[in-house]
């Protein structure tokens, strides 16, 4: 049985940086590399025989073109130490093929989430584990597509999501974020509306777009929803993962090739 691991490589690198960023060897920072390889070994033990596919952010995101404020807070949080992080990420991308991991994908203008979504779309009906702690990827949950958090060792399935969100489809996750916002990604949402209220509204109307087709002036939340209509629709665009990034990959030949011993 073919099992695919769609690995959010940037996510693992960032988590490694914040946990192990102080590690160094001979004066050279190594925490990100060490953390990444430790996570990779853990994945090999947890999913023996699975086909690993590494998905990376490009240097820019199309979402920044929609709203320059998108993820602006993340840049600030690095406190000027981004060179330490990104130099190690570049090293990892360079040596993975030398270790036999040749399935590395990124596309200019797209984030790792978009690459994962685009590849997952081509793997419908196959067993896929998305490796990430990024909640954005919850919208990709399907009957055979689950999310494994390598840090917490927690599995999230479509069934788990529906249980936690009272039957809401994972595909509606961008609508939750469009209304409740997301501090991590600097998505504004609608002020004063949290996830629980967003869920109640979406259960009533169906989606952010449907809200503004069906909303009547007499609804108790109409003033707030109408005031922030443009912001809610913008937030939905930012939260929605792109599923048609132009990734060229032979999904029938995603194999690990051990490095030569010579």
Protein backbone atom coordinates (compact mmCIF):
# COMPACT_ATOMS: atom_id res chain seq x y z
CA UNK A 1 0.00 0.00 0.00
CA UNK A 2 1.38 3.38 -1.02
CA UNK A 3 1.48 5.96 1.76
CA UNK A 4 2.63 9.52 1.11
CA UNK A 5 4.04 12.04 3.57
CA UNK A 6 3.52 15.62 2.44
CA UNK A 7 5.96 17.40 4.73
CA UNK A 8 5.62 21.08 5.58
CA UNK A 9 9.39 21.58 5.66
CA UNK A 10 9.22 25.25 6.60
CA UNK A 11 6.99 24.45 9.55
CA UNK A 12 9.47 21.92 10.93
CA UNK A 13 12.36 24.35 10.41
CA UNK A 14 10.60 27.18 12.21
CA UNK A 15 9.63 24.98 15.14
CA UNK A 16 13.21 23.68 15.35
CA UNK A 17 14.51 27.25 15.34
CA UNK A 18 12.38 28.32 18.29
CA UNK A 19 13.15 25.17 20.30
CA UNK A 20 16.77 24.47 19.36
CA UNK A 21 17.94 27.73 17.81
CA UNK A 22 20.72 28.19 20.35
CA UNK A 23 22.53 24.99 19.37
CA UNK A 24 25.81 25.38 17.51
CA UNK A 25 28.90 23.42 16.55
CA UNK A 26 32.31 24.99 16.21
CA UNK A 27 30.68 28.43 16.26
CA UNK A 28 28.20 27.59 13.51
CA UNK A 29 24.42 27.49 14.23
CA UNK A 30 23.07 23.95 13.86
CA UNK A 31 19.81 23.89 15.85
CA UNK A 32 17.49 24.03 12.84
CA UNK A 33 19.39 21.29 11.01
CA UNK A 34 19.51 19.08 14.10
CA UNK A 35 15.81 19.58 14.82
CA UNK A 36 14.83 18.91 11.21
CA UNK A 37 16.82 15.69 10.98
CA UNK A 38 15.52 14.52 14.35
CA UNK A 39 11.97 15.07 13.11
CA UNK A 40 12.74 13.23 9.88
CA UNK A 41 14.06 10.22 11.78
CA UNK A 42 10.90 10.25 13.92
CA UNK A 43 8.78 10.23 10.77
CA UNK A 44 10.70 7.29 9.35
CA UNK A 45 10.01 5.32 12.52
CA UNK A 46 6.34 6.32 12.65
CA UNK A 47 5.65 5.73 8.94
CA UNK A 48 8.06 3.03 7.72
CA UNK A 49 8.04 2.65 3.96
CA UNK A 50 6.08 5.84 3.33
CA UNK A 51 7.10 8.14 0.48
CA UNK A 52 8.36 11.47 1.85
CA UNK A 53 7.70 14.64 -0.14
CA UNK A 54 9.22 17.90 1.13
CA UNK A 55 7.24 21.06 0.44
CA UNK A 56 8.82 24.51 0.87
CA UNK A 57 7.82 28.15 0.83
CA UNK A 58 9.19 30.29 -1.99
CA UNK A 59 10.73 33.68 -1.36
CA UNK A 60 7.40 35.48 -1.72
CA UNK A 61 3.69 34.76 -1.38
CA UNK A 62 0.79 35.71 -3.62
CA UNK A 63 -1.11 36.55 -0.44
CA UNK A 64 1.31 39.41 0.20
CA UNK A 65 0.13 40.88 -3.08
CA UNK A 66 -3.46 40.71 -1.83
CA UNK A 67 -2.61 42.22 1.57
CA UNK A 68 0.94 43.37 2.48
CA UNK A 69 0.08 42.92 6.17
CA UNK A 70 -0.22 39.16 5.73
CA UNK A 71 2.23 37.40 8.14
CA UNK A 72 3.98 40.74 8.77
CA UNK A 73 4.06 39.89 12.48
CA UNK A 74 6.12 36.75 11.82
CA UNK A 75 8.97 38.77 10.33
CA UNK A 76 9.06 40.95 13.43
CA UNK A 77 9.06 37.95 15.75
CA UNK A 78 12.41 36.74 14.38
CA UNK A 79 14.04 39.78 16.02
CA UNK A 80 16.61 40.22 13.30
CA UNK A 81 17.87 36.65 13.56
CA UNK A 82 16.30 35.41 10.33
CA UNK A 83 19.72 34.86 8.71
CA UNK A 84 20.42 32.12 11.28
CA UNK A 85 17.17 30.38 10.38
CA UNK A 86 17.16 30.79 6.61
CA UNK A 87 20.83 29.90 6.09
CA UNK A 88 20.20 26.53 7.76
CA UNK A 89 17.01 26.02 5.74
CA UNK A 90 19.02 26.55 2.56
CA UNK A 91 21.56 23.99 3.75
CA UNK A 92 18.80 21.47 4.42
CA UNK A 93 17.29 21.97 0.97
CA UNK A 94 20.75 21.47 -0.55
CA UNK A 95 21.76 18.29 1.29
CA UNK A 96 18.42 16.41 1.30
CA UNK A 97 18.94 15.16 -2.29
CA UNK A 98 22.43 14.01 -1.30
CA UNK A 99 20.82 11.88 1.41
CA UNK A 100 18.47 10.35 -1.15
CA UNK A 101 15.45 12.60 -0.57
CA UNK A 102 14.96 13.96 -4.08
CA UNK A 103 11.31 14.89 -3.70
CA UNK A 104 11.70 18.56 -2.84
CA UNK A 105 9.14 20.99 -4.26
CA UNK A 106 8.58 24.73 -4.17
CA UNK A 107 7.13 27.20 -6.60
CA UNK A 108 7.77 30.92 -6.84
CA UNK A 109 4.88 32.93 -5.41
CA UNK A 110 3.45 30.03 -3.42
CA UNK A 111 3.73 28.82 0.16
CA UNK A 112 4.41 25.29 1.34
CA UNK A 113 0.68 25.00 2.18
CA UNK A 114 -0.18 25.64 -1.46
CA UNK A 115 2.36 23.07 -2.65
CA UNK A 116 0.96 20.50 -0.21
CA UNK A 117 -2.62 21.22 -1.28
CA UNK A 118 -1.77 20.97 -4.97
CA UNK A 119 0.02 17.64 -4.53
CA UNK A 120 -2.71 16.32 -2.22
CA UNK A 121 -5.26 17.08 -4.91
CA UNK A 122 -3.40 14.74 -7.24
CA UNK A 123 -3.39 12.02 -4.57
CA UNK A 124 -7.14 11.71 -4.10
CA UNK A 125 -8.09 8.24 -2.92
CA UNK A 126 -4.56 7.48 -1.69
CA UNK A 127 -3.37 7.48 1.90
CA UNK A 128 -1.72 10.80 2.67
CA UNK A 129 -0.35 12.16 5.93
CA UNK A 130 0.31 15.89 5.96
CA UNK A 131 3.16 16.60 8.36
CA UNK A 132 2.67 19.97 10.02
CA UNK A 133 1.49 21.81 13.12
CA UNK A 134 -0.03 24.57 10.95
CA UNK A 135 -3.78 24.81 11.51
CA UNK A 136 -4.26 26.30 8.02
CA UNK A 137 -3.91 22.79 6.65
CA UNK A 138 -7.02 21.54 8.45
CA UNK A 139 -8.99 22.52 5.36
CA UNK A 140 -7.26 19.68 3.47
CA UNK A 141 -8.57 16.88 5.69
CA UNK A 142 -10.35 14.16 3.70
CA UNK A 143 -11.37 10.52 4.37
CA UNK A 144 -7.85 9.24 3.53
CA UNK A 145 -5.92 12.46 4.15
CA UNK A 146 -4.92 13.14 7.77
CA UNK A 147 -2.53 15.51 9.54
CA UNK A 148 0.29 14.33 11.79
CA UNK A 149 1.92 16.83 14.14
CA UNK A 150 5.47 15.54 14.51
CA UNK A 151 6.05 17.74 17.56
CA UNK A 152 2.98 16.81 19.64
CA UNK A 153 2.66 13.35 18.01
CA UNK A 154 -1.02 13.99 17.48
CA UNK A 155 -3.07 12.71 14.55
CA UNK A 156 -6.00 14.75 13.25
CA UNK A 157 -8.49 13.17 10.86
CA UNK A 158 -11.57 14.46 9.08
CA UNK A 159 -13.68 12.65 11.69
CA UNK A 160 -11.81 14.36 14.55
CA UNK A 161 -12.34 17.75 12.96
CA UNK A 162 -16.08 17.24 12.52
CA UNK A 163 -16.41 16.07 16.10
CA UNK A 164 -14.57 19.13 17.42
CA UNK A 165 -16.50 21.55 15.19
CA UNK A 166 -20.00 20.08 15.53
CA UNK A 167 -20.20 18.56 12.07
CA UNK A 168 -18.54 21.40 10.17
CA UNK A 169 -16.70 20.26 7.03
CA UNK A 170 -12.92 20.84 7.03
CA UNK A 171 -13.40 22.73 3.77
CA UNK A 172 -15.17 25.40 5.85
CA UNK A 173 -12.07 26.09 7.95
CA UNK A 174 -11.14 29.17 5.85
CA UNK A 175 -14.60 30.58 6.64
CA UNK A 176 -13.93 30.21 10.37
CA UNK A 177 -10.62 32.05 10.00
CA UNK A 178 -12.21 34.68 7.75
CA UNK A 179 -14.60 35.61 10.54
CA UNK A 180 -12.55 34.93 13.69
CA UNK A 181 -9.26 36.08 12.19
CA UNK A 182 -5.83 34.57 12.83
CA UNK A 183 -3.15 36.34 14.85
CA UNK A 184 -0.46 33.94 13.67
CA UNK A 185 -0.97 34.87 10.00
CA UNK A 186 -2.12 38.44 10.73
CA UNK A 187 -5.52 37.78 9.15
CA UNK A 188 -7.89 40.46 10.49
CA UNK A 189 -11.27 38.72 10.46
CA UNK A 190 -14.20 40.56 12.05
CA UNK A 191 -13.50 42.31 15.37
CA UNK A 192 -15.42 40.85 18.29
CA UNK A 193 -16.17 37.53 16.57
CA UNK A 194 -14.39 34.45 17.85
CA UNK A 195 -14.40 30.86 16.61
CA UNK A 196 -17.57 29.84 18.51
CA UNK A 197 -19.60 32.77 17.19
CA UNK A 198 -18.21 32.20 13.71
CA UNK A 199 -19.31 28.56 13.88
CA UNK A 200 -22.84 29.57 14.93
CA UNK A 201 -23.11 32.06 12.05
CA UNK A 202 -21.75 29.62 9.50
CA UNK A 203 -24.17 26.93 10.66
CA UNK A 204 -26.94 29.42 9.97
CA UNK A 205 -25.78 30.75 6.60
CA UNK A 206 -23.36 28.19 5.10
CA UNK A 207 -20.27 30.26 4.16
CA UNK A 208 -18.89 33.79 4.29
CA UNK A 209 -20.14 34.46 0.78
CA UNK A 210 -23.60 33.11 1.63
CA UNK A 211 -23.78 35.37 4.69
CA UNK A 212 -23.77 38.44 2.49
CA UNK A 213 -26.30 36.96 0.09
CA UNK A 214 -28.80 35.99 2.81
CA UNK A 215 -28.19 38.47 5.64
CA UNK A 216 -31.16 40.67 6.51
CA UNK A 217 -30.98 44.07 8.25
CA UNK A 218 -32.92 42.68 11.19
CA UNK A 219 -30.32 40.07 12.11
CA UNK A 220 -28.75 40.89 15.49
CA UNK A 221 -25.24 40.76 14.05
CA UNK A 222 -26.07 42.58 10.80
CA UNK A 223 -24.45 45.92 11.78
CA UNK A 224 -21.12 44.28 12.63
CA UNK A 225 -21.16 41.85 9.70
CA UNK A 226 -22.02 44.56 7.17
CA UNK A 227 -19.49 47.04 8.56
CA UNK A 228 -16.68 44.53 8.12
CA UNK A 229 -17.91 42.83 4.94
CA UNK A 230 -14.87 43.74 2.82
CA UNK A 231 -12.52 42.71 5.60
CA UNK A 232 -14.25 39.34 6.00
CA UNK A 233 -14.07 38.61 2.27
CA UNK A 234 -10.41 39.66 2.20
CA UNK A 235 -9.69 37.40 5.16
CA UNK A 236 -11.32 34.47 3.35
CA UNK A 237 -8.99 34.99 0.38
CA UNK A 238 -5.98 35.00 2.70
CA UNK A 239 -7.11 31.89 4.60
CA UNK A 240 -7.96 29.81 1.52
CA UNK A 241 -5.11 27.53 0.43
CA UNK A 242 -4.34 27.50 -3.29
CA UNK A 243 -4.89 24.03 -4.74
CA UNK A 244 -3.63 24.52 -8.30
CA UNK A 245 -0.03 25.65 -7.92
CA UNK A 246 1.91 24.70 -11.07
CA UNK A 247 3.94 21.90 -9.49
CA UNK A 248 5.54 19.37 -11.84
CA UNK A 249 5.80 16.06 -10.01
CA UNK A 250 5.62 12.42 -11.04
CA UNK A 251 3.47 11.19 -8.17
CA UNK A 252 3.88 7.59 -9.27
CA UNK A 253 7.64 7.80 -8.79
CA UNK A 254 8.03 9.54 -5.43
CA UNK A 255 10.60 7.22 -3.92
CA UNK A 256 13.49 7.46 -1.50
CA UNK A 257 16.83 6.61 -3.13
CA UNK A 258 19.56 5.80 -0.59
CA UNK A 259 22.83 7.66 -1.19
CA UNK A 260 25.71 5.76 -2.71
CA UNK A 261 28.21 4.28 -0.21
CA UNK A 262 31.07 4.97 -2.55
